[in-house]
Amino acid sequence: MDKLLNKKIKVKQSNELTEAAYYLSLKAKRVLWLCLMQTYFTASVSEDDDEMAVLGDSTFKVKVADYEQIFQVSRNQAIKDVKEGVFELSRSAVIFYPKEGSFDCVARPWLTEAGSRSARGIWEIEFNHKLLRYIYGLTNQFTTYSLRDCGSLRNPRTIRLYESLAQFKSSGLWVTTHAWL
């Protein structure tokens, strides 16, 4: 992880997940980022890959030590934050508004399971398999940004603004309403 931290760590997430994560606390966002960071270094997509190879594994390891180091908090704070962030993700859902299909609103829980190895400071988090296509193999409708930059932010509204600006960086134009702010 130390070698990764010396590089510019990126997080890549689908725009749907970016919008769903707006409603998560800072702790839950950070746990999510630690998972998404792992996909940035492991995910690869090619025309010949089968779906599971493209999607990758649904289980991620979140280490308290990584949280502590990346987000510059004490060990005790990292232990508490990771636990609370994992529990919040396990209680939360991503809301989709599909244009096709039998439903016009679909709620999918973020996680199917989360387990801790307290003595090792590791959480194993299994994401809902129906969300994997929004995590792996992203080729369009996604946002990439620096975990180091975004991770240093402490206010969820500031993070929301940062993610939105990163989402529209390539177009150079971002339009919003007063209500959104």
Protein backbone atom coordinates (compact mmCIF):
# COMPACT_ATOMS: atom_id res chain seq x y z
CA MET A 1 0.00 0.00 0.00
CA ASP A 2 2.89 2.38 0.70
CA LYS A 3 3.99 2.17 -2.94
CA LEU A 4 0.43 2.91 -4.05
CA LEU A 5 0.25 5.93 -1.77
CA ASN A 6 3.36 7.38 -3.38
CA LYS A 7 1.54 7.24 -6.72
CA LYS A 8 -1.49 9.34 -7.50
CA ILE A 9 -4.24 6.97 -6.39
CA LYS A 10 -7.38 7.26 -8.46
CA VAL A 11 -10.96 6.29 -7.75
CA LYS A 12 -13.18 5.40 -10.69
CA GLN A 13 -16.91 5.09 -10.12
CA SER A 14 -20.00 5.09 -12.27
CA ASN A 15 -22.00 8.30 -12.27
CA GLU A 16 -24.94 6.37 -10.78
CA LEU A 17 -22.82 5.38 -7.78
CA THR A 18 -21.43 8.90 -7.49
CA GLU A 19 -24.97 10.24 -7.16
CA ALA A 20 -26.00 7.46 -4.74
CA ALA A 21 -22.94 8.13 -2.58
CA TYR A 22 -24.02 11.78 -2.12
CA TYR A 23 -26.28 10.56 0.67
CA LEU A 24 -23.61 8.57 2.52
CA SER A 25 -21.70 9.89 5.52
CA LEU A 26 -18.01 10.73 5.23
CA LYS A 27 -17.07 7.43 6.91
CA ALA A 28 -19.15 5.34 4.51
CA LYS A 29 -17.80 7.26 1.50
CA ARG A 30 -14.25 6.61 2.62
CA VAL A 31 -14.89 2.88 3.01
CA LEU A 32 -16.46 2.88 -0.46
CA TRP A 33 -13.43 4.72 -1.87
CA LEU A 34 -11.05 2.14 -0.40
CA CYS A 35 -13.00 -0.54 -2.27
CA LEU A 36 -13.19 1.43 -5.51
CA MET A 37 -9.48 2.17 -5.30
CA GLN A 38 -8.83 -1.58 -5.50
CA THR A 39 -10.81 -1.81 -8.75
CA TYR A 40 -8.74 0.95 -10.34
CA PHE A 41 -5.60 -1.18 -10.07
CA THR A 42 -7.18 -4.56 -10.87
CA ALA A 43 -9.96 -4.00 -13.40
CA SER A 44 -9.31 -4.52 -17.07
CA VAL A 45 -11.75 -4.85 -19.89
CA SER A 46 -11.36 -6.35 -23.32
CA GLU A 47 -13.81 -7.54 -25.95
CA ASP A 48 -12.81 -11.18 -25.34
CA ASP A 49 -13.31 -11.20 -21.56
CA ASP A 50 -16.30 -13.05 -20.22
CA GLU A 51 -18.63 -11.14 -17.91
CA MET A 52 -17.18 -12.42 -14.62
CA ALA A 53 -13.64 -11.53 -15.67
CA VAL A 54 -14.83 -8.04 -16.55
CA LEU A 55 -16.84 -7.67 -13.37
CA GLY A 56 -14.22 -9.08 -11.07
CA ASP A 57 -14.71 -10.21 -7.51
CA SER A 58 -17.51 -8.83 -5.37
CA THR A 59 -15.44 -9.09 -2.17
CA PHE A 60 -13.07 -6.33 -1.10
CA LYS A 61 -10.70 -6.08 1.84
CA VAL A 62 -10.70 -2.83 3.73
CA LYS A 63 -7.74 -2.44 6.06
CA VAL A 64 -7.91 -0.15 9.06
CA ALA A 65 -4.22 0.67 8.49
CA ASP A 66 -4.96 1.91 4.95
CA TYR A 67 -7.82 4.09 6.22
CA GLU A 68 -5.54 5.49 8.92
CA GLN A 69 -2.75 6.27 6.47
CA ILE A 70 -4.78 7.63 3.55
CA PHE A 71 -7.17 9.77 5.58
CA GLN A 72 -4.63 10.86 8.22
CA VAL A 73 -6.53 9.79 11.33
CA SER A 74 -5.43 7.98 14.49
CA ARG A 75 -5.57 4.20 14.73
CA ASN A 76 -8.48 4.31 17.19
CA GLN A 77 -10.38 6.76 14.99
CA ALA A 78 -9.74 4.57 11.92
CA ILE A 79 -11.08 1.47 13.72
CA LYS A 80 -14.24 3.35 14.71
CA ASP A 81 -14.71 5.04 11.32
CA VAL A 82 -14.30 1.84 9.28
CA LYS A 83 -16.75 -0.06 11.48
CA GLU A 84 -19.36 2.72 11.31
CA GLY A 85 -18.80 3.19 7.56
CA VAL A 86 -19.24 -0.53 6.85
CA PHE A 87 -22.39 -0.68 8.97
CA GLU A 88 -23.85 2.35 7.17
CA LEU A 89 -23.13 0.80 3.76
CA SER A 90 -24.80 -2.41 4.91
CA ARG A 91 -27.96 -0.46 5.84
CA SER A 92 -28.01 1.72 2.71
CA ALA A 93 -29.24 1.19 -0.84
CA VAL A 94 -28.52 2.60 -4.27
CA ILE A 95 -31.65 3.95 -5.96
CA PHE A 96 -31.94 3.57 -9.74
CA TYR A 97 -34.52 5.09 -12.08
CA PRO A 98 -34.34 2.82 -15.14
CA LYS A 99 -35.70 4.05 -18.45
CA GLU A 100 -36.63 0.51 -19.48
CA GLY A 101 -38.01 -2.53 -17.70
CA SER A 102 -40.95 -3.23 -15.46
CA PHE A 103 -40.01 -0.77 -12.68
CA ASP A 104 -39.49 2.96 -12.76
CA CYS A 105 -37.65 2.92 -9.41
CA VAL A 106 -35.36 0.18 -8.09
CA ALA A 107 -33.53 0.06 -4.73
CA ARG A 108 -30.51 -2.21 -4.47
CA PRO A 109 -28.58 -2.64 -1.21
CA TRP A 110 -24.88 -1.78 -1.42
CA LEU A 111 -23.69 -4.91 0.40
CA THR A 112 -24.67 -8.55 0.75
CA GLU A 113 -22.27 -9.24 3.63
CA ALA A 114 -19.57 -7.64 5.74
CA GLY A 115 -17.31 -9.39 8.21
CA SER A 116 -14.48 -8.24 10.43
CA ARG A 117 -11.21 -9.73 11.58
CA SER A 118 -10.72 -7.32 14.45
CA ALA A 119 -7.35 -8.66 15.54
CA ARG A 120 -5.98 -8.08 12.03
CA GLY A 121 -7.79 -4.81 11.40
CA ILE A 122 -9.41 -6.09 8.22
CA TRP A 123 -12.98 -5.98 7.01
CA GLU A 124 -14.14 -8.17 4.14
CA ILE A 125 -17.00 -6.52 2.30
CA GLU A 126 -19.10 -8.26 -0.32
CA PHE A 127 -20.97 -5.95 -2.67
CA ASN A 128 -24.36 -6.78 -4.11
CA HIS A 129 -23.69 -8.67 -7.36
CA LYS A 130 -26.24 -6.48 -9.17
CA LEU A 131 -24.02 -3.44 -8.51
CA LEU A 132 -20.82 -4.96 -9.93
CA ARG A 133 -21.41 -3.61 -13.42
CA TYR A 134 -21.34 -0.11 -11.87
CA ILE A 135 -18.04 -0.90 -10.13
CA TYR A 136 -16.01 -2.86 -12.71
CA GLY A 137 -15.44 -2.55 -16.43
CA LEU A 138 -16.59 1.03 -16.73
CA THR A 139 -16.24 2.32 -20.28
CA ASN A 140 -18.66 5.25 -20.22
CA GLN A 141 -20.70 7.33 -17.78
CA PHE A 142 -18.06 7.26 -15.04
CA THR A 143 -15.97 9.72 -13.07
CA THR A 144 -12.30 9.37 -12.15
CA TYR A 145 -10.68 11.52 -9.50
CA SER A 146 -7.74 11.58 -7.11
CA LEU A 147 -8.34 9.79 -3.82
CA ARG A 148 -5.59 11.86 -2.22
CA ASP A 149 -7.35 15.12 -3.17
CA CYS A 150 -10.91 14.03 -2.45
CA GLY A 151 -9.88 12.05 0.63
CA SER A 152 -8.42 15.14 2.26
CA LEU A 153 -11.84 16.80 2.19
CA ARG A 154 -13.86 16.48 5.39
CA ASN A 155 -17.23 18.01 4.57
CA PRO A 156 -19.66 15.75 2.64
CA ARG A 157 -21.06 18.75 0.73
CA THR A 158 -17.58 19.78 -0.36
CA ILE A 159 -16.95 16.20 -1.48
CA ARG A 160 -20.21 16.23 -3.42
CA LEU A 161 -19.13 19.43 -5.18
CA TYR A 162 -15.65 17.99 -5.92
CA GLU A 163 -17.14 14.80 -7.39
CA SER A 164 -19.60 16.76 -9.52
CA LEU A 165 -16.88 19.03 -10.87
CA ALA A 166 -14.72 15.98 -11.63
CA GLN A 167 -17.66 14.38 -13.42
CA PHE A 168 -18.01 17.33 -15.80
CA LYS A 169 -14.31 18.19 -16.09
CA SER A 170 -13.99 16.97 -19.68
CA SER A 171 -16.91 19.07 -20.91
CA GLY A 172 -15.74 22.15 -19.04
CA LEU A 173 -19.35 23.00 -18.22
CA TRP A 174 -21.33 22.22 -15.09
CA VAL A 175 -24.81 23.59 -14.54
CA THR A 176 -26.74 23.17 -11.32
CA THR A 177 -29.55 24.72 -9.33
CA HIS A 178 -29.61 26.55 -6.01
CA ALA A 179 -31.59 23.65 -4.56
CA TRP A 180 -28.79 21.20 -5.43
CA LEU A 181 -26.27 23.34 -3.57
